[in-house]
Amino acid sequence: MSQNQITERVAATEKAKAVIDQLREKHGELMFHQSGGCCDGSAPMCFTVGDFMVGSRDVLLGSIHGCEFYMAADQFEFWKNTHLTIDVSEGRGASFSLEIPLGLRFMTVSRLFTDDELKHLKPVG
């Protein structure tokens, strides 16, 4: 990794990007939030921008396919040393996320950052 290269904290698979495109076409600009709530609350949820109120303690991890991705501060403490890849699978989640009517659900796949990636982590907002 080049010293000028910044390590992003969150990314999306091509399959997730295709679903994001489909949802954006129908709903307009989108954003994601992952909290530590009950039920499906720890899954990434997709909302139309303005339909979810980001809290003062929520952390902006970055963006995926043009959508800001936020996480609850307490969850960030748990996930801060991991890279998150947002993917999609068949199945109905129990959340208000926009992909649910499609019979799909977004999910988080995580891995620990390497030592080199940790040195170049993009700061959170």
Protein backbone atom coordinates (compact mmCIF):
# COMPACT_ATOMS: atom_id res chain seq x y z
CA MET A 1 0.00 0.00 0.00
CA SER A 2 1.31 3.43 -0.94
CA GLN A 3 1.86 5.86 1.91
CA ASN A 4 -0.47 8.31 0.14
CA GLN A 5 -3.23 5.74 -0.11
CA ILE A 6 -6.04 6.04 2.43
CA THR A 7 -7.75 2.95 3.80
CA GLU A 8 -11.52 3.22 3.45
CA ARG A 9 -13.58 1.75 6.29
CA VAL A 10 -16.57 0.60 4.25
CA ALA A 11 -17.16 -0.74 0.73
CA ALA A 12 -19.93 -2.44 -1.23
CA THR A 13 -20.00 -5.51 -3.45
CA GLU A 14 -21.08 -5.22 -7.08
CA LYS A 15 -24.31 -7.01 -6.18
CA ALA A 16 -25.03 -4.47 -3.43
CA LYS A 17 -24.22 -1.60 -5.82
CA ALA A 18 -26.77 -2.96 -8.33
CA VAL A 19 -29.46 -2.99 -5.62
CA ILE A 20 -28.46 0.52 -4.53
CA ASP A 21 -28.87 1.68 -8.15
CA GLN A 22 -32.32 0.06 -8.32
CA LEU A 23 -33.38 1.69 -5.04
CA ARG A 24 -31.94 5.08 -5.99
CA GLU A 25 -33.92 5.03 -9.25
CA LYS A 26 -37.14 4.51 -7.30
CA HIS A 27 -36.50 6.54 -4.10
CA GLY A 28 -33.88 9.17 -4.97
CA GLU A 29 -30.75 9.84 -2.90
CA LEU A 30 -29.99 7.21 -0.26
CA MET A 31 -28.04 6.79 2.96
CA PHE A 32 -27.15 3.87 5.23
CA HIS A 33 -27.17 3.46 9.00
CA GLN A 34 -26.08 0.55 11.17
CA SER A 35 -27.00 0.56 14.84
CA GLY A 36 -26.82 -1.95 17.64
CA GLY A 37 -30.56 -2.15 18.12
CA CYS A 38 -32.62 -5.25 18.65
CA CYS A 39 -33.87 -7.58 15.94
CA ASP A 40 -32.31 -6.46 12.65
CA GLY A 41 -30.95 -3.24 14.18
CA SER A 42 -27.36 -4.41 13.81
CA ALA A 43 -27.82 -4.91 10.06
CA PRO A 44 -27.07 -2.05 7.66
CA MET A 45 -30.29 -0.26 6.77
CA CYS A 46 -30.90 1.84 3.67
CA PHE A 47 -33.10 4.94 3.80
CA THR A 48 -34.04 7.81 1.53
CA VAL A 49 -31.98 10.83 2.56
CA GLY A 50 -34.08 12.76 5.07
CA ASP A 51 -36.17 9.76 6.19
CA PHE A 52 -33.75 8.80 8.96
CA MET A 53 -32.51 11.28 11.53
CA VAL A 54 -28.79 10.81 12.11
CA GLY A 55 -28.00 11.20 15.81
CA SER A 56 -25.35 13.49 17.26
CA ARG A 57 -23.34 10.44 18.38
CA ASP A 58 -23.56 8.60 15.06
CA VAL A 59 -20.27 8.21 13.20
CA LEU A 60 -19.86 8.79 9.46
CA LEU A 61 -17.66 5.90 8.30
CA GLY A 62 -17.54 6.95 4.67
CA SER A 63 -19.71 6.27 1.66
CA ILE A 64 -20.66 3.31 -0.47
CA HIS A 65 -21.65 3.83 -4.09
CA GLY A 66 -22.47 7.49 -3.43
CA CYS A 67 -24.40 6.90 -0.19
CA GLU A 68 -23.17 8.10 3.18
CA PHE A 69 -22.75 5.25 5.68
CA TYR A 70 -23.29 5.99 9.39
CA MET A 71 -22.91 3.78 12.43
CA ALA A 72 -24.04 4.21 16.02
CA ALA A 73 -21.11 5.28 18.24
CA ASP A 74 -21.36 2.24 20.52
CA GLN A 75 -21.27 -0.07 17.50
CA PHE A 76 -18.30 1.82 16.08
CA GLU A 77 -16.35 1.07 19.26
CA PHE A 78 -16.88 -2.62 18.52
CA TRP A 79 -16.22 -2.39 14.74
CA LYS A 80 -13.51 0.33 14.63
CA ASN A 81 -10.71 -2.11 13.75
CA THR A 82 -12.62 -3.85 10.98
CA HIS A 83 -13.25 -3.20 7.32
CA LEU A 84 -16.94 -3.53 6.44
CA THR A 85 -18.16 -4.78 3.09
CA ILE A 86 -21.86 -4.33 2.47
CA ASP A 87 -23.38 -7.18 0.52
CA VAL A 88 -26.93 -8.29 -0.23
CA SER A 89 -28.63 -11.65 0.09
CA GLU A 90 -32.06 -13.10 -0.51
CA GLY A 91 -34.39 -13.12 2.45
CA ARG A 92 -36.61 -10.74 4.27
CA GLY A 93 -35.21 -8.77 7.16
CA ALA A 94 -37.31 -7.37 9.96
CA SER A 95 -36.34 -3.74 9.41
CA PHE A 96 -37.59 -0.64 7.62
CA SER A 97 -34.75 -0.78 5.10
CA LEU A 98 -35.75 0.04 1.52
CA GLU A 99 -34.59 -3.28 0.01
CA ILE A 100 -36.94 -5.41 2.14
CA PRO A 101 -39.90 -5.29 -0.31
CA LEU A 102 -37.56 -6.71 -2.98
CA GLY A 103 -37.12 -9.89 -0.92
CA LEU A 104 -33.51 -8.89 -0.25
CA ARG A 105 -31.52 -7.69 2.72
CA PHE A 106 -28.26 -5.84 3.06
CA MET A 107 -25.69 -7.47 5.32
CA THR A 108 -22.27 -6.60 6.68
CA VAL A 109 -19.25 -8.79 6.05
CA SER A 110 -16.29 -7.78 8.19
CA ARG A 111 -12.59 -8.49 8.44
CA LEU A 112 -9.87 -7.05 10.65
CA PHE A 113 -7.70 -4.35 9.14
CA THR A 114 -4.10 -5.28 8.47
CA ASP A 115 -1.38 -3.41 10.38
CA ASP A 116 -0.58 -1.43 7.22
CA GLU A 117 -4.25 -0.54 6.67
CA LEU A 118 -4.55 0.64 10.29
CA LYS A 119 -1.71 3.12 9.68
CA HIS A 120 -3.64 4.68 6.78
CA LEU A 121 -7.22 4.62 8.05
CA LYS A 122 -9.52 7.33 6.83
CA PRO A 123 -10.69 9.43 9.80
CA VAL A 124 -14.36 9.17 10.74
CA GLY A 125 -16.74 12.10 10.72
